[in-house]
Protein backbone atom coordinates (compact mmCIF):
# COMPACT_ATOMS: atom_id res chain seq x y z
CA MET A 1 76.59 70.27 57.06
CA ASN A 2 79.92 68.86 58.19
CA TYR A 3 79.85 66.62 60.56
CA ARG A 4 83.20 65.38 63.30
CA ARG A 5 83.92 62.72 66.02
CA LEU A 6 83.33 63.59 69.32
CA GLY A 7 86.34 62.35 71.42
CA ARG A 8 86.37 58.83 72.31
CA THR A 9 82.71 58.43 72.18
CA ASP A 10 81.31 57.19 68.83
CA LEU A 11 79.22 59.97 68.17
CA HIS A 12 79.35 62.74 64.93
CA VAL A 13 78.65 65.64 65.63
CA SER A 14 77.47 68.55 63.18
CA VAL A 15 80.14 71.40 63.28
CA ILE A 16 77.93 73.57 64.67
CA GLY A 17 75.70 72.74 68.03
CA PHE A 18 73.22 75.03 69.04
CA GLY A 19 73.48 76.92 73.38
CA THR A 20 70.18 77.50 74.88
CA CYS A 21 70.96 79.79 77.33
CA GLN A 22 69.45 82.74 75.30
CA LEU A 23 66.07 81.27 74.57
CA ARG A 24 64.84 82.38 78.30
CA LEU A 25 65.06 85.98 76.65
CA VAL A 26 62.26 85.34 73.74
CA PRO A 27 59.25 84.14 73.35
CA VAL A 28 58.05 80.66 73.83
CA ARG A 29 57.46 80.00 70.11
CA GLN A 30 60.31 81.81 69.12
CA ALA A 31 62.53 79.73 70.77
CA ILE A 32 60.55 76.31 69.41
CA ASP A 33 60.86 77.67 66.12
CA THR A 34 64.28 78.62 65.98
CA LEU A 35 65.39 74.95 67.44
CA ARG A 36 63.58 73.40 64.34
CA ARG A 37 64.87 75.51 62.07
CA GLY A 38 68.11 74.55 63.09
CA PHE A 39 67.62 70.96 63.51
CA GLU A 40 65.80 71.08 59.64
CA LEU A 41 69.36 72.45 58.36
CA GLY A 42 70.96 69.36 60.14
CA VAL A 43 72.20 70.44 63.56
CA ASN A 44 72.11 67.17 65.82
CA ILE A 45 74.11 68.56 69.19
CA VAL A 46 72.16 71.21 71.73
CA HIS A 47 73.18 72.12 75.13
CA VAL A 48 71.24 72.10 77.94
CA ALA A 49 71.24 72.67 81.62
CA PRO A 50 68.95 72.94 84.61
CA ASP A 51 69.57 76.35 85.14
CA TYR A 52 68.71 77.61 81.81
CA GLU A 53 64.91 78.59 83.12
CA GLY A 54 63.33 75.82 80.89
CA ALA A 55 65.53 74.97 77.68
CA ASP A 56 65.59 71.53 77.89
CA ASP A 57 61.41 71.53 77.75
CA LEU A 58 61.72 73.75 74.82
CA VAL A 59 64.28 71.15 72.83
CA ALA A 60 61.95 68.64 73.67
CA GLN A 61 59.35 69.89 72.37
CA ALA A 62 60.95 71.17 69.36
CA LEU A 63 61.57 67.52 68.98
CA ARG A 64 58.44 66.72 69.27
CA GLU A 65 57.42 69.06 66.40
CA THR A 66 60.45 67.68 64.07
CA PRO A 67 61.11 64.13 64.86
CA LYS A 68 65.26 64.00 64.66
CA ASP A 69 68.24 62.45 65.84
CA VAL A 70 69.70 65.13 68.31
CA ILE A 71 72.11 64.86 70.97
CA ILE A 72 71.60 66.10 74.10
CA CYS A 73 74.38 67.63 75.84
CA SER A 74 73.58 68.36 79.27
CA GLN A 75 74.72 68.69 83.02
CA GLY A 76 74.65 69.05 86.80
CA TYR A 77 76.13 70.42 89.88
CA GLY A 78 75.65 70.58 93.51
CA PRO A 79 75.45 68.14 96.15
CA PRO A 80 75.42 63.72 94.74
CA GLU A 81 71.39 64.03 95.29
CA LEU A 82 70.69 67.23 92.95
CA PHE A 83 72.98 65.56 90.76
CA GLU A 84 71.66 62.17 90.35
CA HIS A 85 68.26 64.35 90.20
CA PHE A 86 69.67 66.42 87.06
CA PHE A 87 70.61 63.22 85.31
CA GLU A 88 67.40 61.18 85.90
CA THR A 89 64.96 64.30 84.80
CA THR A 90 66.77 64.58 81.42
CA CYS A 91 66.46 60.96 80.68
CA ARG A 92 62.57 61.54 81.69
CA THR A 93 62.13 64.70 79.88
CA PHE A 94 63.51 63.27 76.89
CA ASP A 95 61.40 59.84 77.22
CA LYS A 96 65.51 58.58 77.27
CA GLU A 97 66.94 55.51 79.57
CA ARG A 98 70.26 56.27 78.07
CA LEU A 99 71.73 59.29 77.20
CA GLU A 100 74.43 60.06 74.56
CA LEU A 101 76.20 62.79 76.76
CA PHE A 102 76.20 64.30 80.22
CA GLY A 103 78.13 66.22 82.80
CA ILE A 104 79.90 68.48 85.23
CA ALA A 105 78.72 72.06 85.06
CA CYS A 106 81.61 74.54 85.41
CA ILE A 107 83.71 71.82 87.35
CA ASP A 108 86.10 74.31 88.51
CA ASP A 109 83.37 76.40 90.08
CA ARG A 110 82.24 73.12 91.25
CA GLU A 111 86.15 72.58 92.78
CA MET A 112 85.59 75.91 94.54
CA LEU A 113 82.62 76.30 96.37
CA GLY A 114 83.50 72.37 98.01
CA GLU A 115 81.18 70.27 95.88
CA ASN A 116 82.44 66.56 96.01
CA VAL A 117 83.74 66.04 92.37
CA TRP A 118 86.44 63.95 92.37
CA GLY A 119 85.82 62.07 96.08
CA THR A 120 83.56 58.94 97.01
CA GLY A 121 80.27 59.27 96.13
CA GLY A 122 80.93 61.99 94.24
CA MET A 123 80.19 63.14 90.29
CA VAL A 124 83.21 61.52 88.35
CA GLN A 125 82.00 58.18 90.45
CA PHE A 126 78.04 58.63 89.80
CA LEU A 127 79.44 59.57 85.94
CA LEU A 128 81.73 55.95 85.66
CA ARG A 129 78.64 54.28 87.12
CA LYS A 130 76.35 55.22 85.18
CA LYS A 131 78.72 54.34 81.88
CA GLU A 132 79.05 50.91 83.28
CA GLU A 133 75.09 50.52 83.76
CA GLY A 134 75.23 51.59 79.72
CA ARG A 135 72.73 54.71 80.57
CA LEU A 136 75.64 56.90 79.88
CA GLY A 137 77.51 57.22 76.56
CA GLY A 138 79.79 59.84 77.27
CA ILE A 139 81.48 61.93 79.79
CA PHE A 140 82.02 65.91 79.76
CA CYS A 141 82.65 68.93 81.48
CA THR A 142 82.68 72.58 80.66
CA THR A 143 85.21 74.99 82.38
CA HIS A 144 86.48 78.47 82.04
CA GLY A 145 89.91 77.36 84.35
CA PRO A 146 92.87 78.10 82.65
CA PRO A 147 94.74 76.41 80.05
CA GLU A 148 96.86 74.29 82.51
CA TYR A 149 94.08 73.21 84.51
CA ILE A 150 92.18 72.07 81.61
CA LYS A 151 95.02 70.34 80.13
CA LYS A 152 95.21 68.17 83.61
CA LEU A 153 91.73 67.33 82.97
CA ILE A 154 92.05 65.87 79.78
CA GLU A 155 95.19 63.99 81.22
CA SER A 156 93.09 63.08 83.87
CA ASN A 157 91.22 60.20 80.96
CA LEU A 158 87.95 60.39 82.33
CA PHE A 159 86.65 62.96 80.12
CA ASP A 160 85.19 62.20 76.32
CA ALA A 161 84.66 65.75 75.71
CA LEU A 162 85.15 68.91 77.10
CA MET A 163 83.58 72.69 76.84
CA ILE A 164 85.67 75.18 76.87
CA PRO A 165 85.97 79.10 75.89
CA TYR A 166 87.68 80.42 73.05
CA ASN A 167 87.53 82.75 69.83
CA ILE A 168 89.80 85.19 67.84
CA LEU A 169 89.01 88.44 70.01
CA GLY A 170 90.67 86.03 73.35
CA PHE A 171 87.89 87.35 76.12
CA HIS A 172 84.01 87.60 75.99
CA LEU A 173 81.44 89.21 77.49
CA LEU A 174 81.63 87.89 80.43
CA THR A 175 85.26 87.60 81.10
CA ALA A 176 86.17 88.86 84.48
CA ASN A 177 89.17 90.24 86.94
CA ILE A 178 87.77 87.70 90.04
CA PRO A 179 90.43 87.63 93.02
CA GLY A 180 91.90 84.81 94.05
CA LYS A 181 90.49 82.74 90.74
CA ASN A 182 93.41 82.14 88.17
CA PRO A 183 91.93 83.65 84.62
CA GLU A 184 90.78 81.70 81.70
CA HIS A 185 93.13 82.37 78.78
CA LEU A 186 91.70 81.85 75.36
CA GLN A 187 94.99 81.89 73.16
CA GLY A 188 96.40 79.58 75.94
CA ASN A 189 93.48 77.05 75.12
CA LYS A 190 94.78 77.11 71.53
CA ASP A 191 98.48 76.31 72.41
CA ILE A 192 98.11 74.70 75.06
CA VAL A 193 94.53 72.38 75.25
CA PHE A 194 94.17 71.62 71.65
CA PRO A 195 97.21 70.08 71.34
CA ALA A 196 96.42 67.93 74.34
CA ALA A 197 92.86 66.86 73.40
CA ARG A 198 94.26 65.59 69.70
CA LYS A 199 96.94 63.72 71.44
CA ASN A 200 94.20 61.96 73.87
CA ASP A 201 91.20 61.96 71.90
CA VAL A 202 89.15 64.09 73.78
CA GLY A 203 86.51 66.11 72.10
CA LEU A 204 86.14 69.44 72.47
CA MET A 205 83.15 71.73 71.79
CA ILE A 206 83.71 75.21 72.08
CA MET A 207 81.60 77.96 73.87
CA LYS A 208 81.60 81.97 73.56
CA PRO A 209 82.64 81.56 69.83
CA LEU A 210 81.16 84.89 69.25
CA ALA A 211 82.59 86.18 72.82
CA GLY A 212 79.00 86.68 73.85
CA GLY A 213 78.04 89.08 70.87
CA LEU A 214 81.25 91.36 71.05
CA LEU A 215 82.44 89.97 67.95
CA CYS A 216 79.15 90.18 65.69
CA SER A 217 75.84 91.67 66.08
CA GLY A 218 73.09 89.51 66.31
CA HIS A 219 69.53 89.22 64.89
CA ALA A 220 67.76 87.92 68.80
CA PHE A 221 69.11 90.98 70.35
CA PRO A 222 70.34 94.07 68.79
CA GLN A 223 72.48 96.10 70.96
CA HIS A 224 71.36 99.02 72.71
CA ASN A 225 74.12 101.26 72.11
CA GLN A 226 77.27 101.34 69.98
CA LEU A 227 80.70 101.06 72.33
CA PHE A 228 82.77 99.81 69.42
CA HIS A 229 83.46 100.85 65.76
CA GLU A 230 81.14 98.66 64.12
CA SER A 231 83.49 98.32 60.89
CA ASP A 232 85.61 96.20 63.44
CA ARG A 233 82.89 93.68 63.91
CA ILE A 234 83.61 90.20 62.58
CA ALA A 235 80.37 88.61 60.60
CA ALA A 236 79.03 85.22 62.40
CA GLY A 237 79.84 82.90 59.63
CA LYS A 238 83.49 84.17 59.28
CA ALA A 239 84.09 84.23 63.13
CA LEU A 240 82.80 80.41 63.48
CA ARG A 241 84.62 78.85 60.55
CA TYR A 242 87.46 80.75 61.50
CA ILE A 243 87.57 78.63 64.95
CA LEU A 244 85.83 75.43 63.02
CA MET A 245 90.15 75.28 61.01
CA ASN A 246 91.35 74.13 63.88
CA GLU A 247 90.69 70.41 63.05
CA GLU A 248 90.53 69.16 67.14
CA ILE A 249 87.63 70.87 67.56
CA SER A 250 84.60 68.77 67.22
CA CYS A 251 82.19 72.08 67.22
CA VAL A 252 81.30 75.26 68.00
CA VAL A 253 77.91 76.01 70.33
CA PRO A 254 76.91 79.92 69.70
CA GLY A 255 73.92 80.94 71.44
CA THR A 256 70.66 81.16 69.03
CA ALA A 257 67.72 82.30 70.05
CA SER A 258 65.96 83.37 66.50
CA ILE A 259 65.29 81.75 63.02
CA GLU A 260 67.64 83.92 61.37
CA GLU A 261 70.37 83.30 63.87
CA ALA A 262 69.48 79.22 63.20
CA GLU A 263 69.71 79.82 59.64
CA GLU A 264 72.98 81.75 59.59
CA ASN A 265 74.98 79.87 62.04
CA ALA A 266 74.11 76.39 60.60
CA ARG A 267 75.01 77.17 57.19
CA CYS A 268 78.39 77.95 58.88
CA GLY A 269 78.97 74.33 58.93
CA PHE A 270 77.93 73.74 55.21
CA GLY A 271 80.73 72.58 52.77
CA ASN A 272 84.18 73.68 53.13
CA ILE A 273 84.97 75.17 55.96
CA ALA A 274 88.39 76.54 55.08
CA LEU A 275 88.81 80.03 54.69
CA LYS A 276 90.69 81.94 51.94
CA GLU A 277 94.10 83.23 52.75
CA GLU A 278 92.53 87.08 52.27
CA ASP A 279 89.75 86.44 54.51
CA ILE A 280 91.94 84.86 57.37
CA ASN A 281 93.79 88.25 57.39
CA HIS A 282 91.01 90.69 57.16
CA ILE A 283 89.52 88.57 60.13
CA GLU A 284 92.97 88.90 62.64
CA GLN A 285 93.12 92.74 61.32
CA ARG A 286 89.69 93.30 62.39
CA ALA A 287 89.90 91.28 65.93
CA GLN A 288 93.41 93.14 66.74
CA SER A 289 91.48 96.28 66.11
CA LEU A 290 88.40 95.59 68.64
CA ALA A 291 90.50 94.10 70.59
CA ALA A 292 92.34 97.41 71.20
CA SER A 293 89.57 99.25 71.67
CA THR A 294 87.60 97.24 74.01
CA CYS A 295 88.39 96.50 77.78
CA SER A 296 89.14 92.86 78.30
CA ARG A 297 89.23 92.86 82.37
CA CYS A 298 92.38 92.44 82.94
CA GLY A 299 92.39 94.53 86.62
CA SER A 300 95.72 96.02 85.89
CA CYS A 301 94.12 99.70 85.92
CA GLU A 302 92.34 99.12 89.49
CA ALA A 303 95.22 100.42 91.70
CA LEU A 304 96.24 102.95 89.83
CA CYS A 305 92.54 104.56 90.04
CA SER A 306 93.15 108.28 92.14
CA GLN A 307 88.89 107.73 92.75
CA ASN A 308 89.54 103.82 93.59
CA LEU A 309 86.90 102.74 91.50
CA PRO A 310 86.65 99.21 90.37
CA ILE A 311 87.14 99.73 86.60
CA SER A 312 87.07 96.80 85.13
CA TRP A 313 83.58 95.77 86.90
CA LEU A 314 81.70 99.17 85.60
CA PHE A 315 83.04 98.63 81.42
CA ARG A 316 81.23 94.55 82.33
CA SER A 317 78.34 95.91 83.56
CA ALA A 318 78.36 98.42 80.73
CA TYR A 319 78.82 95.83 78.21
CA ILE A 320 76.43 93.26 79.29
CA ALA A 321 73.64 95.97 79.53
CA ASN A 322 74.27 97.44 76.37
CA TYR A 323 74.91 94.03 74.46
CA PRO A 324 72.15 91.82 76.02
CA SER A 325 72.85 88.96 73.68
CA GLU A 326 74.66 87.45 77.10
CA THR A 327 72.04 86.19 79.77
CA PHE A 328 74.17 85.52 83.00
CA GLU A 329 73.85 88.66 84.59
CA THR A 330 76.07 90.99 86.63
CA PRO A 331 75.71 89.89 90.38
CA ASP A 332 73.76 92.49 92.83
CA THR A 333 77.10 93.45 94.52
CA HIS A 334 79.04 94.33 90.85
CA GLN A 335 75.45 96.29 89.37
CA TYR A 336 76.77 99.56 87.56
CA PHE A 337 75.02 102.07 90.17
CA ARG A 338 76.22 99.63 93.10
CA LEU A 339 79.42 100.31 91.88
CA HIS A 340 79.17 103.76 90.73
CA PRO A 341 75.96 105.77 93.03
CA ASP A 342 76.84 108.59 92.17
CA ASP A 343 74.58 109.82 89.40
CA GLU A 344 77.32 112.34 87.85
CA PRO A 345 80.01 110.37 86.06
CA ILE A 346 82.84 110.75 89.17
CA CYS A 347 85.20 110.07 86.15
CA GLY A 348 84.37 113.59 84.47
CA ARG A 349 84.96 115.49 87.25
CA CYS A 350 88.44 113.31 88.28
CA GLU A 351 91.24 115.91 88.47
CA ASN A 352 94.22 113.97 89.53
CA VAL A 353 93.84 111.23 86.64
CA THR A 354 96.38 108.36 87.52
CA CYS A 355 94.84 105.35 86.01
CA THR A 356 96.24 104.13 82.63
CA CYS A 357 94.95 101.25 79.95
CA ILE A 358 98.08 99.01 78.96
CA LYS A 359 96.07 99.04 75.22
CA GLY A 360 95.46 102.53 75.08
CA ILE A 361 92.03 103.04 76.17
CA ASN A 362 91.34 106.39 77.50
CA ILE A 363 89.70 105.45 80.58
CA PRO A 364 87.99 108.53 81.89
CA PHE A 365 86.84 110.02 78.43
CA THR A 366 84.52 105.94 78.31
CA LEU A 367 83.70 105.52 81.12
CA THR A 368 82.15 109.39 81.50
CA ARG A 369 80.35 108.07 77.69
CA ILE A 370 79.57 105.07 79.36
CA HIS A 371 77.43 106.68 82.43
CA THR A 372 75.44 108.45 80.30
CA LEU A 373 74.25 105.66 78.45
CA MET A 374 73.62 103.78 81.33
CA LYS A 375 71.25 106.36 83.05
CA GLU A 376 69.36 106.67 80.17
CA LEU A 377 68.96 102.20 79.94
CA ARG A 378 68.02 103.11 83.83
CA SER A 379 65.39 105.75 83.30
CA LYS A 380 63.79 103.16 80.57
CA GLY A 381 63.85 100.08 83.22
CA MET A 382 66.32 98.15 81.56
CA ILE A 383 68.82 98.04 83.97
CA PRO A 384 67.97 97.76 87.80
CA PRO A 385 68.66 101.03 90.08
CA ALA A 386 70.86 100.76 92.75
CA GLU A 387 68.50 99.67 95.28
CA VAL A 388 65.36 97.73 93.55
CA ARG A 389 62.48 98.45 95.09
CA GLU A 390 59.76 95.52 96.54
CA ILE A 391 56.34 95.36 95.59
CA THR A 392 54.19 94.51 98.58
CA GLY A 393 50.32 94.06 98.97
CA GLY A 394 49.90 90.85 97.13
CA LYS A 395 46.90 88.68 98.38
CA LYS A 396 48.86 85.68 100.74
CA GLY A 397 52.09 87.45 101.42
CA TYR A 398 53.50 87.66 97.34
CA ARG A 399 56.05 89.51 96.93
CA ALA A 400 58.39 90.60 94.14
CA LYS A 401 61.31 92.70 92.69
CA ILE A 402 61.36 93.74 89.00
CA ILE A 403 64.92 93.52 88.33
CA MET A 404 64.20 94.71 84.74
CA LYS A 405 61.73 95.40 82.03
CA VAL A 406 61.81 95.73 78.40
CA LEU A 407 57.71 96.90 77.33
CA PRO A 408 57.69 99.47 74.54
CA THR A 409 56.56 103.11 74.83
CA GLU A 410 55.28 103.55 71.27
CA VAL A 411 54.32 101.13 68.97
CA THR A 412 52.28 101.24 65.10
CA PRO A 413 48.70 99.21 65.52
CA GLY A 414 49.00 96.08 65.32
CA ARG A 415 52.15 95.18 65.44
CA LYS A 416 53.43 92.49 68.03
CA VAL A 417 56.50 93.80 69.85
CA PRO A 418 58.68 92.13 72.16
CA CYS A 419 58.39 92.30 75.44
CA LEU A 420 60.67 91.41 78.98
CA LEU A 421 60.00 91.05 82.75
CA TYR A 422 62.91 89.50 84.58
CA ILE A 423 61.39 89.18 87.63
CA GLU A 424 62.82 87.84 91.82
CA ASN A 425 60.27 86.27 94.09
CA SER A 426 60.97 87.75 97.30
CA GLY A 427 58.39 86.57 99.11
CA LYS A 428 58.17 83.28 101.38
CA GLN A 429 56.31 81.06 99.30
CA PRO A 430 57.57 78.79 95.99
CA TRP A 431 55.79 80.10 92.79
CA TYR A 432 55.36 76.90 90.45
CA ALA A 433 55.71 76.37 86.60
CA HIS A 434 52.88 73.85 86.86
CA ALA A 435 49.96 73.08 89.25
CA ARG A 436 50.45 70.68 92.43
CA ARG A 437 48.08 68.85 94.89
CA GLY A 438 46.65 71.86 97.05
CA GLN A 439 49.00 74.66 94.98
CA PRO A 440 48.29 76.67 91.83
CA LYS A 441 50.65 77.38 89.15
CA ILE A 442 51.62 81.48 88.93
CA VAL A 443 51.37 82.97 85.75
CA LEU A 444 51.89 86.56 84.58
CA CYS A 445 48.30 87.96 83.21
CA VAL A 446 48.44 90.53 81.12
CA PHE A 447 45.26 93.16 81.20
CA LEU A 448 44.89 95.92 78.32
CA ASP A 449 42.52 98.42 80.15
CA LYS A 450 40.36 95.70 82.40
CA THR A 451 40.42 93.07 79.54
CA LEU A 452 42.30 89.94 80.19
CA LEU A 453 44.68 90.15 76.60
CA GLN A 454 46.97 87.15 77.54
CA THR A 455 48.60 84.73 79.72
CA ILE A 456 52.45 84.24 79.85
CA GLN A 457 53.44 81.18 81.48
CA LEU A 458 56.30 80.60 83.89
CA ARG A 459 58.91 77.90 82.42
CA HIS A 460 60.42 76.81 85.48
CA ASP A 461 59.65 77.06 89.57
CA VAL A 462 60.87 79.48 91.28
CA HIS A 463 61.94 79.57 94.68
CA PRO A 464 62.37 82.75 96.92
CA MET A 465 65.35 84.39 96.42
CA GLN A 466 64.92 83.09 92.58
CA ARG A 467 64.60 85.22 89.56
CA ALA A 468 62.52 84.17 86.35
CA HIS A 469 62.41 85.91 82.94
CA PHE A 470 58.62 86.75 80.97
CA ALA A 471 59.91 86.72 77.29
CA PHE A 472 56.62 87.36 75.12
CA GLU A 473 54.89 89.55 72.65
CA LEU A 474 52.46 92.31 73.03
CA SER A 475 50.00 93.04 70.40
CA ALA A 476 49.63 96.72 70.03
CA PRO A 477 45.94 97.53 69.74
CA GLN A 478 44.77 99.33 67.09
CA GLY A 479 43.64 103.25 66.34
CA ILE A 480 45.75 105.81 67.36
CA GLY A 481 46.46 106.87 71.02
CA SER A 482 47.74 105.97 74.31
CA ARG A 483 46.06 103.08 76.27
CA SER A 484 46.94 101.16 79.49
CA PHE A 485 48.33 98.27 80.06
CA SER A 486 48.29 95.78 83.66
CA PHE A 487 50.81 93.13 84.42
CA PHE A 488 49.76 90.99 87.34
CA LEU A 489 51.25 87.78 88.43
CA ALA A 490 47.88 85.27 88.92
CA GLU A 491 47.17 81.84 90.03
CA THR A 492 45.33 79.20 87.75
CA SER A 493 43.52 76.69 88.83
CA ARG A 494 43.27 73.35 86.82
CA ARG A 495 39.83 75.26 85.22
CA ASP A 496 42.36 77.61 83.96
CA ILE A 497 40.38 80.52 86.34
CA HIS A 498 43.02 83.27 86.73
CA LYS A 499 42.99 85.04 89.84
CA PRO A 500 45.14 88.15 90.09
CA VAL A 501 47.14 87.98 93.65
CA LEU A 502 50.12 91.16 92.75
CA LEU A 503 50.15 94.06 90.02
CA LEU A 504 53.76 94.21 88.90
CA ALA A 505 53.66 97.13 86.71
CA GLU A 506 51.30 99.74 84.98
CA HIS A 507 52.35 100.59 81.68
CA ARG A 508 51.28 103.27 79.06
CA ILE A 509 51.63 102.27 75.38
CA VAL A 510 50.99 104.86 72.82
CA THR A 511 50.05 103.69 69.47
CA THR A 512 50.89 106.02 66.10
CA ASN A 513 51.51 105.78 62.46
CA SER A 514 54.82 107.50 63.13
CA ALA A 515 56.80 104.73 65.65
C-alpha cells in the first residue's frame, strides 16, 4: 500500500480510504468483514458520520476483531451542543481521548441552513479549542460547494484537509440542479482547488471517485437495469488510479460494502500508481462517451419542456433507483412518482416536443423507456409510490411506513439471499437500538410460517419521522414449494423476550430448483 502525508498534519494515510455510508445497506457481518479485509490490506483511514446509521459502531467492532492502527475521520453538524456531542461520542465509540481528525459535515450546507460555523461559540472555534487542548490532531470539512468557494476555505488557513468530490466523469449519481445554490464543478476542482491545496499544504481527500456507481459496476449493489452502454464503464482500479496520479491528492475514499470491493479498491493503492499513456487515453475516451449519454442534471432542458416536467430530477431519481449503490435517497418531494404521477409516460404522448439536451440525449425516448423501468421497480416495492401507505394497528401506538423493500420471490432451497427493509417511524415514540430504563429496544423479527426464524437489530435510535434500514440475509427453507414469511417490529426485554408490536409485511417466497 502507498501512503501519503495528509496536508499539514503528521498523518500518513493510505491512498485508498474507505467510505462507510453504504454499510447501512448490507448485513452486519458483511459490513464488518468488508472493513476487516481492507484493514488487513493496509487501508488505514476510514470516513464515518453520525448519520450513517451506526457505521462508527461497525468500524469499532471491526477494529476489535482486527486490531490495526486506523485513522478515524468523523464529522458533525447542528447547534454547538450537538456538534460537541458528536465529537465526544466519537471519542467514546473508539475509546480515544484524542481524535486524529474531526470536522464539519458539508460546510456549505451548514452555512445555508444558518448553523453557527464561524461565529462565537461555533464549530470552528470548538475545533480550534480541541486542538489547543491536545484532543484533536487535524481539522477537516467536507463540501460540495463550487471551486471558488472551496479555494476560500483552503486560504482561510483553518483546515488541515478537505474532502471534496472529483472523478473523471465530471459529475456523480447525486448531482442536482438546486435553485439558489451554486453548483459543484468537478473539473473546476481540478483546475482551481488542486493547485490551491498544493500551495497551502492542505490535504485533499476525494469522495465520489467512482461517480456514485455511474462509472463502474459494483459488487455489493448490482444495478437493477442498464441505462447506459456497459462498454463505456471503467474498471474501478483504473478510475481510482487516474485520480491518484494527481500528487495533490492524499487519498480517495470510495464507498466499500463487500469483501470483493474491499480487495479491489485496496489493491488499487498497491505498487506503482501511474497508468500507461494508452490506458489514460482509453479511460478518457470511455468517460467522454459515458458523459455524452448520461444526464448530468445541468437543468438547461427544463425551461424548454412543453409539459413543464422537472426533467433533470426525473433522471436523477431514476439513476438512484436503478444504481442502488448511492445511499442518500431522493427527497420525498422529488421521488419519481411524485414528479410523474401519471401511470403512462407523459413524454410518450407529447405532441409538442420542445425539449433539447445540450449533449444530444433524446429526452422523450429516454424518459419513456425509464418510465417503464420505474413502474417495474415500483411493482416490486423497490421504490416508493407517490403516496406511501402507513401501517397502523400496532400495540402502544406503533406506526410505520415501508419506504422500500427488497425481498426475493423465488430462491433455491437453503440459499442465503440478501434482504432489505427501509422503514420510517411514523408513530410518536422512539425506537431504541439499545434497551434503556423503562424503554425496550426494538428489533425486526422474521417469522417462517409462525415460527420465529431470526431477529435483526436496529443499528441506531430512530425517532419519530426518522428512518432506518434493516439489512440482513434470509436463509431459504429446504424443500420445494411456497412458504409464508412475516416481518414484525418487536420489543425486546433484557431477558431477550420478543414481543411483536407491529406487523410490517407478509411475503411469500417460492423455493424451486430453477431459481
